[in-house]
Amino acid sequence: MLRQHVGKQWIFYQREKRFDQWAQVEYPPLEDWLALLDSVQRRINRQLLRPEAEVRLRKIILERFPGTNKEQLDPKKQPG
């Protein structure tokens, strides 16, 4: 899965095989959005993105998937 940030939108792409053309995904599943959120959080920790990016992304996820629990949006805690 490939993701591209354009303006205030996130565009998802996928392909079947390595040399196939990338095709835009109209309605990406929640799992892909959560993977994107994890990626954004890691980039914020490395100071490659501003914290506001996470807030905007969380808002987008909650708008697209109204039944999403707040716990799903929190980073997974490691046992320890």
PDB file of N, CA and C in Angstrom:
ATOM      1  N   MET A   1       0.852  -1.165   0.000  1.00  0.00           N
ATOM      2  CA  MET A   1       0.000   0.000   0.000  1.00  0.00           C
ATOM      3  C   MET A   1       0.903   1.235   0.000  1.00  0.00           C
ATOM      4  N   LEU A   2       0.568   2.146  -0.831  1.00  0.00           N
ATOM      5  CA  LEU A   2       1.292   3.404  -0.945  1.00  0.00           C
ATOM      6  C   LEU A   2       0.348   4.523  -0.544  1.00  0.00           C
ATOM      7  N   ARG A   3       0.856   5.485   0.218  1.00  0.00           N
ATOM      8  CA  ARG A   3       0.039   6.621   0.647  1.00  0.00           C
ATOM      9  C   ARG A   3       0.736   7.901   0.223  1.00  0.00           C
ATOM     10  N   GLN A   4      -0.084   8.862  -0.170  1.00  0.00           N
ATOM     11  CA  GLN A   4       0.462  10.144  -0.603  1.00  0.00           C
ATOM     12  C   GLN A   4      -0.357  11.252   0.043  1.00  0.00           C
ATOM     13  N   HIS A   5       0.327  12.235   0.595  1.00  0.00           N
ATOM     14  CA  HIS A   5      -0.334  13.370   1.222  1.00  0.00           C
ATOM     15  C   HIS A   5      -0.345  14.526   0.232  1.00  0.00           C
ATOM     16  N   VAL A   6      -1.551  14.949  -0.149  1.00  0.00           N
ATOM     17  CA  VAL A   6      -1.704  16.039  -1.114  1.00  0.00           C
ATOM     18  C   VAL A   6      -2.635  17.063  -0.492  1.00  0.00           C
ATOM     19  N   GLY A   7      -2.091  18.231  -0.185  1.00  0.00           N
ATOM     20  CA  GLY A   7      -2.915  19.251   0.459  1.00  0.00           C
ATOM     21  C   GLY A   7      -3.370  18.755   1.817  1.00  0.00           C
ATOM     22  N   LYS A   8      -4.688  18.678   1.995  1.00  0.00           N
ATOM     23  CA  LYS A   8      -5.245  18.173   3.250  1.00  0.00           C
ATOM     24  C   LYS A   8      -5.799  16.764   3.084  1.00  0.00           C
ATOM     25  N   GLN A   9      -5.491  16.117   1.982  1.00  0.00           N
ATOM     26  CA  GLN A   9      -6.008  14.786   1.696  1.00  0.00           C
ATOM     27  C   GLN A   9      -4.909  13.741   1.743  1.00  0.00           C
ATOM     28  N   TRP A  10      -5.315  12.523   2.055  1.00  0.00           N
ATOM     29  CA  TRP A  10      -4.437  11.366   1.951  1.00  0.00           C
ATOM     30  C   TRP A  10      -4.992  10.500   0.834  1.00  0.00           C
ATOM     31  N   ILE A  11      -4.148  10.104  -0.100  1.00  0.00           N
ATOM     32  CA  ILE A  11      -4.550   9.267  -1.215  1.00  0.00           C
ATOM     33  C   ILE A  11      -3.829   7.933  -1.074  1.00  0.00           C
ATOM     34  N   PHE A  12      -4.584   6.851  -1.132  1.00  0.00           N
ATOM     35  CA  PHE A  12      -4.035   5.508  -0.987  1.00  0.00           C
ATOM     36  C   PHE A  12      -3.971   4.839  -2.352  1.00  0.00           C
ATOM     37  N   TYR A  13      -2.890   4.103  -2.590  1.00  0.00           N
ATOM     38  CA  TYR A  13      -2.704   3.355  -3.834  1.00  0.00           C
ATOM     39  C   TYR A  13      -2.326   1.918  -3.483  1.00  0.00           C
ATOM     40  N   GLN A  14      -2.669   1.000  -4.377  1.00  0.00           N
ATOM     41  CA  GLN A  14      -2.235  -0.387  -4.209  1.00  0.00           C
ATOM     42  C   GLN A  14      -2.010  -1.010  -5.574  1.00  0.00           C
ATOM     43  N   ARG A  15      -1.298  -2.126  -5.571  1.00  0.00           N
ATOM     44  CA  ARG A  15      -1.076  -2.886  -6.796  1.00  0.00           C
ATOM     45  C   ARG A  15      -1.035  -4.363  -6.432  1.00  0.00           C
ATOM     46  N   GLU A  16      -1.336  -5.192  -7.412  1.00  0.00           N
ATOM     47  CA  GLU A  16      -1.383  -6.631  -7.181  1.00  0.00           C
ATOM     48  C   GLU A  16       0.024  -7.232  -7.122  1.00  0.00           C
ATOM     49  N   LYS A  17       0.799  -6.986  -8.148  1.00  0.00           N
ATOM     50  CA  LYS A  17       2.138  -7.563  -8.237  1.00  0.00           C
ATOM     51  C   LYS A  17       3.171  -6.451  -8.347  1.00  0.00           C
ATOM     52  N   ARG A  18       4.413  -6.817  -8.251  1.00  0.00           N
ATOM     53  CA  ARG A  18       5.498  -5.842  -8.210  1.00  0.00           C
ATOM     54  C   ARG A  18       5.530  -4.908  -9.417  1.00  0.00           C
ATOM     55  N   PHE A  19       5.312  -5.419 -10.611  1.00  0.00           N
ATOM     56  CA  PHE A  19       5.442  -4.599 -11.803  1.00  0.00           C
ATOM     57  C   PHE A  19       4.096  -4.099 -12.348  1.00  0.00           C
ATOM     58  N   ASP A  20       3.016  -4.303 -11.606  1.00  0.00           N
ATOM     59  CA  ASP A  20       1.715  -3.778 -12.009  1.00  0.00           C
ATOM     60  C   ASP A  20       1.665  -2.272 -11.751  1.00  0.00           C
ATOM     61  N   GLN A  21       0.718  -1.632 -12.378  1.00  0.00           N
ATOM     62  CA  GLN A  21       0.518  -0.197 -12.177  1.00  0.00           C
ATOM     63  C   GLN A  21      -0.176   0.042 -10.833  1.00  0.00           C
ATOM     64  N   TRP A  22       0.192   1.147 -10.184  1.00  0.00           N
ATOM     65  CA  TRP A  22      -0.468   1.531  -8.943  1.00  0.00           C
ATOM     66  C   TRP A  22      -1.864   2.031  -9.286  1.00  0.00           C
ATOM     67  N   ALA A  23      -2.863   1.615  -8.506  1.00  0.00           N
ATOM     68  CA  ALA A  23      -4.246   2.038  -8.702  1.00  0.00           C
ATOM     69  C   ALA A  23      -4.733   2.703  -7.417  1.00  0.00           C
ATOM     70  N   GLN A  24      -5.441   3.801  -7.572  1.00  0.00           N
ATOM     71  CA  GLN A  24      -5.950   4.524  -6.417  1.00  0.00           C
ATOM     72  C   GLN A  24      -7.064   3.719  -5.750  1.00  0.00           C
ATOM     73  N   VAL A  25      -7.040   3.689  -4.416  1.00  0.00           N
ATOM     74  CA  VAL A  25      -8.067   2.998  -3.641  1.00  0.00           C
ATOM     75  C   VAL A  25      -9.090   4.037  -3.225  1.00  0.00           C
ATOM     76  N   GLU A  26     -10.332   3.839  -3.648  1.00  0.00           N
ATOM     77  CA  GLU A  26     -11.388   4.814  -3.375  1.00  0.00           C
ATOM     78  C   GLU A  26     -11.740   4.868  -1.885  1.00  0.00           C
ATOM     79  N   TYR A  27     -11.960   3.697  -1.278  1.00  0.00           N
ATOM     80  CA  TYR A  27     -12.346   3.630   0.134  1.00  0.00           C
ATOM     81  C   TYR A  27     -11.404   2.682   0.880  1.00  0.00           C
ATOM     82  N   PRO A  28     -10.261   3.191   1.343  1.00  0.00           N
ATOM     83  CA  PRO A  28      -9.324   2.320   2.064  1.00  0.00           C
ATOM     84  C   PRO A  28      -9.946   1.858   3.389  1.00  0.00           C
ATOM     85  N   PRO A  29      -9.644   0.630   3.814  1.00  0.00           N
ATOM     86  CA  PRO A  29     -10.201   0.116   5.073  1.00  0.00           C
ATOM     87  C   PRO A  29      -9.569   0.789   6.292  1.00  0.00           C
ATOM     88  N   LEU A  30     -10.220   0.614   7.422  1.00  0.00           N
ATOM     89  CA  LEU A  30      -9.754   1.211   8.678  1.00  0.00           C
ATOM     90  C   LEU A  30      -8.334   0.772   9.019  1.00  0.00           C
ATOM     91  N   GLU A  31      -7.986  -0.470   8.725  1.00  0.00           N
ATOM     92  CA  GLU A  31      -6.646  -0.977   9.051  1.00  0.00           C
ATOM     93  C   GLU A  31      -5.561  -0.157   8.353  1.00  0.00           C
ATOM     94  N   ASP A  32      -5.824   0.249   7.114  1.00  0.00           N
ATOM     95  CA  ASP A  32      -4.844   1.065   6.396  1.00  0.00           C
ATOM     96  C   ASP A  32      -4.721   2.454   7.015  1.00  0.00           C
ATOM     97  N   TRP A  33      -5.839   3.015   7.461  1.00  0.00           N
ATOM     98  CA  TRP A  33      -5.801   4.322   8.124  1.00  0.00           C
ATOM     99  C   TRP A  33      -5.045   4.240   9.443  1.00  0.00           C
ATOM    100  N   LEU A  34      -5.237   3.139  10.189  1.00  0.00           N
ATOM    101  CA  LEU A  34      -4.531   2.980  11.459  1.00  0.00           C
ATOM    102  C   LEU A  34      -3.032   2.790  11.240  1.00  0.00           C
ATOM    103  N   ALA A  35      -2.668   2.101  10.162  1.00  0.00           N
ATOM    104  CA  ALA A  35      -1.244   1.955   9.826  1.00  0.00           C
ATOM    105  C   ALA A  35      -0.648   3.313   9.469  1.00  0.00           C
ATOM    106  N   LEU A  36      -1.416   4.127   8.765  1.00  0.00           N
ATOM    107  CA  LEU A  36      -0.964   5.479   8.435  1.00  0.00           C
ATOM    108  C   LEU A  36      -0.790   6.309   9.703  1.00  0.00           C
ATOM    109  N   LEU A  37      -1.735   6.199  10.638  1.00  0.00           N
ATOM    110  CA  LEU A  37      -1.636   6.928  11.901  1.00  0.00           C
ATOM    111  C   LEU A  37      -0.374   6.527  12.658  1.00  0.00           C
ATOM    112  N   ASP A  38      -0.072   5.234  12.691  1.00  0.00           N
ATOM    113  CA  ASP A  38       1.145   4.757  13.346  1.00  0.00           C
ATOM    114  C   ASP A  38       2.382   5.356  12.682  1.00  0.00           C
ATOM    115  N   SER A  39       2.378   5.388  11.374  1.00  0.00           N
ATOM    116  CA  SER A  39       3.508   5.953  10.631  1.00  0.00           C
ATOM    117  C   SER A  39       3.674   7.446  10.927  1.00  0.00           C
ATOM    118  N   VAL A  40       2.567   8.159  10.965  1.00  0.00           N
ATOM    119  CA  VAL A  40       2.619   9.601  11.256  1.00  0.00           C
ATOM    120  C   VAL A  40       3.148   9.827  12.670  1.00  0.00           C
ATOM    121  N   GLN A  41       2.701   9.014  13.630  1.00  0.00           N
ATOM    122  CA  GLN A  41       3.179   9.162  15.010  1.00  0.00           C
ATOM    123  C   GLN A  41       4.685   8.930  15.107  1.00  0.00           C
ATOM    124  N   ARG A  42       5.184   7.945  14.387  1.00  0.00           N
ATOM    125  CA  ARG A  42       6.628   7.691  14.401  1.00  0.00           C
ATOM    126  C   ARG A  42       7.404   8.842  13.765  1.00  0.00           C
ATOM    127  N   ARG A  43       6.852   9.420  12.697  1.00  0.00           N
ATOM    128  CA  ARG A  43       7.522  10.557  12.045  1.00  0.00           C
ATOM    129  C   ARG A  43       7.504  11.792  12.944  1.00  0.00           C
ATOM    130  N   ILE A  44       6.456  11.948  13.738  1.00  0.00           N
ATOM    131  CA  ILE A  44       6.401  13.063  14.692  1.00  0.00           C
ATOM    132  C   ILE A  44       7.478  12.875  15.762  1.00  0.00           C
ATOM    133  N   ASN A  45       7.640  11.647  16.233  1.00  0.00           N
ATOM    134  CA  ASN A  45       8.674  11.371  17.247  1.00  0.00           C
ATOM    135  C   ASN A  45      10.070  11.688  16.737  1.00  0.00           C
ATOM    136  N   ARG A  46      10.289  11.513  15.436  1.00  0.00           N
ATOM    137  CA  ARG A  46      11.600  11.826  14.843  1.00  0.00           C
ATOM    138  C   ARG A  46      11.676  13.274  14.375  1.00  0.00           C
ATOM    139  N   GLN A  47      10.650  14.055  14.685  1.00  0.00           N
ATOM    140  CA  GLN A  47      10.550  15.478  14.345  1.00  0.00           C
ATOM    141  C   GLN A  47      10.574  15.714  12.835  1.00  0.00           C
ATOM    142  N   LEU A  48       9.969  14.788  12.089  1.00  0.00           N
ATOM    143  CA  LEU A  48       9.840  14.947  10.646  1.00  0.00           C
ATOM    144  C   LEU A  48       8.479  15.528  10.272  1.00  0.00           C
ATOM    145  N   LEU A  49       7.529  15.447  11.202  1.00  0.00           N
ATOM    146  CA  LEU A  49       6.202  16.040  11.021  1.00  0.00           C
ATOM    147  C   LEU A  49       5.835  16.813  12.272  1.00  0.00           C
ATOM    148  N   ARG A  50       4.919  17.734  12.107  1.00  0.00           N
ATOM    149  CA  ARG A  50       4.437  18.504  13.253  1.00  0.00           C
ATOM    150  C   ARG A  50       3.318  17.737  13.955  1.00  0.00           C
ATOM    151  N   PRO A  51       3.137  17.916  15.256  1.00  0.00           N
ATOM    152  CA  PRO A  51       2.083  17.201  15.998  1.00  0.00           C
ATOM    153  C   PRO A  51       0.671  17.458  15.470  1.00  0.00           C
ATOM    154  N   GLU A  52       0.463  18.574  14.810  1.00  0.00           N
ATOM    155  CA  GLU A  52      -0.863  18.884  14.267  1.00  0.00           C
ATOM    156  C   GLU A  52      -1.283  17.864  13.209  1.00  0.00           C
ATOM    157  N   ALA A  53      -0.319  17.231  12.555  1.00  0.00           N
ATOM    158  CA  ALA A  53      -0.625  16.234  11.532  1.00  0.00           C
ATOM    159  C   ALA A  53      -1.375  15.054  12.148  1.00  0.00           C
ATOM    160  N   GLU A  54      -0.989  14.656  13.345  1.00  0.00           N
ATOM    161  CA  GLU A  54      -1.674  13.549  14.021  1.00  0.00           C
ATOM    162  C   GLU A  54      -3.107  13.933  14.376  1.00  0.00           C
ATOM    163  N   VAL A  55      -3.300  15.154  14.852  1.00  0.00           N
ATOM    164  CA  VAL A  55      -4.637  15.616  15.222  1.00  0.00           C
ATOM    165  C   VAL A  55      -5.555  15.627  13.999  1.00  0.00           C
ATOM    166  N   ARG A  56      -5.053  16.139  12.881  1.00  0.00           N
ATOM    167  CA  ARG A  56      -5.861  16.168  11.651  1.00  0.00           C
ATOM    168  C   ARG A  56      -6.195  14.766  11.173  1.00  0.00           C
ATOM    169  N   LEU A  57      -5.229  13.858  11.242  1.00  0.00           N
ATOM    170  CA  LEU A  57      -5.453  12.495  10.781  1.00  0.00           C
ATOM    171  C   LEU A  57      -6.469  11.776  11.670  1.00  0.00           C
ATOM    172  N   ARG A  58      -6.372  11.961  12.979  1.00  0.00           N
ATOM    173  CA  ARG A  58      -7.360  11.364  13.888  1.00  0.00           C
ATOM    174  C   ARG A  58      -8.771  11.869  13.558  1.00  0.00           C
ATOM    175  N   LYS A  59      -8.893  13.142  13.267  1.00  0.00           N
ATOM    176  CA  LYS A  59     -10.189  13.718  12.922  1.00  0.00           C
ATOM    177  C   LYS A  59     -10.733  13.085  11.641  1.00  0.00           C
ATOM    178  N   ILE A  60      -9.880  12.910  10.641  1.00  0.00           N
ATOM    179  CA  ILE A  60     -10.298  12.292   9.381  1.00  0.00           C
ATOM    180  C   ILE A  60     -10.775  10.865   9.628  1.00  0.00           C
ATOM    181  N   ILE A  61     -10.036  10.099  10.436  1.00  0.00           N
ATOM    182  CA  ILE A  61     -10.405   8.718  10.717  1.00  0.00           C
ATOM    183  C   ILE A  61     -11.755   8.654  11.419  1.00  0.00           C
ATOM    184  N   LEU A  62     -11.963   9.512  12.408  1.00  0.00           N
ATOM    185  CA  LEU A  62     -13.235   9.501  13.140  1.00  0.00           C
ATOM    186  C   LEU A  62     -14.401   9.929  12.255  1.00  0.00           C
ATOM    187  N   GLU A  63     -14.160  10.815  11.286  1.00  0.00           N
ATOM    188  CA  GLU A  63     -15.221  11.215  10.365  1.00  0.00           C
ATOM    189  C   GLU A  63     -15.566  10.080   9.397  1.00  0.00           C
ATOM    190  N   ARG A  64     -14.557   9.376   8.894  1.00  0.00           N
ATOM    191  CA  ARG A  64     -14.796   8.296   7.925  1.00  0.00           C
ATOM    192  C   ARG A  64     -15.328   7.030   8.582  1.00  0.00           C
ATOM    193  N   PHE A  65     -14.939   6.790   9.822  1.00  0.00           N
ATOM    194  CA  PHE A  65     -15.340   5.583  10.541  1.00  0.00           C
ATOM    195  C   PHE A  65     -15.926   5.995  11.885  1.00  0.00           C
ATOM    196  N   PRO A  66     -17.198   6.430  11.907  1.00  0.00           N
ATOM    197  CA  PRO A  66     -17.788   6.975  13.139  1.00  0.00           C
ATOM    198  C   PRO A  66     -17.822   5.986  14.304  1.00  0.00           C
ATOM    199  N   GLY A  67     -17.840   4.689  14.053  1.00  0.00           N
ATOM    200  CA  GLY A  67     -17.896   3.705  15.130  1.00  0.00           C
ATOM    201  C   GLY A  67     -16.545   3.370  15.725  1.00  0.00           C
ATOM    202  N   THR A  68     -15.495   4.069  15.307  1.00  0.00           N
ATOM    203  CA  THR A  68     -14.142   3.773  15.779  1.00  0.00           C
ATOM    204  C   THR A  68     -13.998   4.158  17.249  1.00  0.00           C
ATOM    205  N   ASN A  69     -13.428   3.238  18.030  1.00  0.00           N
ATOM    206  CA  ASN A  69     -13.169   3.514  19.447  1.00  0.00           C
ATOM    207  C   ASN A  69     -11.933   4.372  19.581  1.00  0.00           C
ATOM    208  N   LYS A  70     -11.913   5.204  20.591  1.00  0.00           N
ATOM    209  CA  LYS A  70     -10.736   6.029  20.859  1.00  0.00           C
ATOM    210  C   LYS A  70      -9.529   5.154  21.183  1.00  0.00           C
ATOM    211  N   GLU A  71      -9.772   3.953  21.761  1.00  0.00           N
ATOM    212  CA  GLU A  71      -8.670   3.056  22.107  1.00  0.00           C
ATOM    213  C   GLU A  71      -7.951   2.557  20.858  1.00  0.00           C
ATOM    214  N   GLN A  72      -8.696   2.417  19.743  1.00  0.00           N
ATOM    215  CA  GLN A  72      -8.075   1.964  18.503  1.00  0.00           C
ATOM    216  C   GLN A  72      -7.094   2.998  17.960  1.00  0.00           C
ATOM    217  N   LEU A  73      -7.323   4.260  18.285  1.00  0.00           N
ATOM    218  CA  LEU A  73      -6.473   5.324  17.779  1.00  0.00           C
ATOM    219  C   LEU A  73      -5.246   5.567  18.657  1.00  0.00           C
ATOM    220  N   ASP A  74      -5.231   4.989  19.850  1.00  0.00           N
ATOM    221  CA  ASP A  74      -4.080   5.166  20.747  1.00  0.00           C
ATOM    222  C   ASP A  74      -3.002   4.169  20.373  1.00  0.00           C
ATOM    223  N   PRO A  75      -1.727   4.550  20.547  1.00  0.00           N
ATOM    224  CA  PRO A  75      -0.660   3.602  20.243  1.00  0.00           C
ATOM    225  C   PRO A  75      -0.749   2.386  21.161  1.00  0.00           C
ATOM    226  N   LYS A  76      -0.403   1.248  20.595  1.00  0.00           N
ATOM    227  CA  LYS A  76      -0.440   0.007  21.373  1.00  0.00           C
ATOM    228  C   LYS A  76       0.662   0.023  22.421  1.00  0.00           C
ATOM    229  N   LYS A  77       0.276  -0.301  23.630  1.00  0.00           N
ATOM    230  CA  LYS A  77       1.252  -0.292  24.730  1.00  0.00           C
ATOM    231  C   LYS A  77       1.949  -1.638  24.797  1.00  0.00           C
ATOM    232  N   GLN A  78       3.254  -1.575  24.939  1.00  0.00           N
ATOM    233  CA  GLN A  78       4.063  -2.780  25.036  1.00  0.00           C
ATOM    234  C   GLN A  78       3.979  -3.314  26.468  1.00  0.00           C
ATOM    235  N   PRO A  79       3.840  -4.636  26.628  1.00  0.00           N
ATOM    236  CA  PRO A  79       3.845  -5.181  27.997  1.00  0.00           C
ATOM    237  C   PRO A  79       5.240  -5.017  28.603  1.00  0.00           C
ATOM    238  N   GLY A  80       5.250  -4.686  29.856  1.00  0.00           N
ATOM    239  CA  GLY A  80       6.575  -4.538  30.392  1.00  0.00           C
ATOM    240  C   GLY A  80       6.598  -4.146  31.774  1.00  0.00           C
TER     241      GLY A  80
END
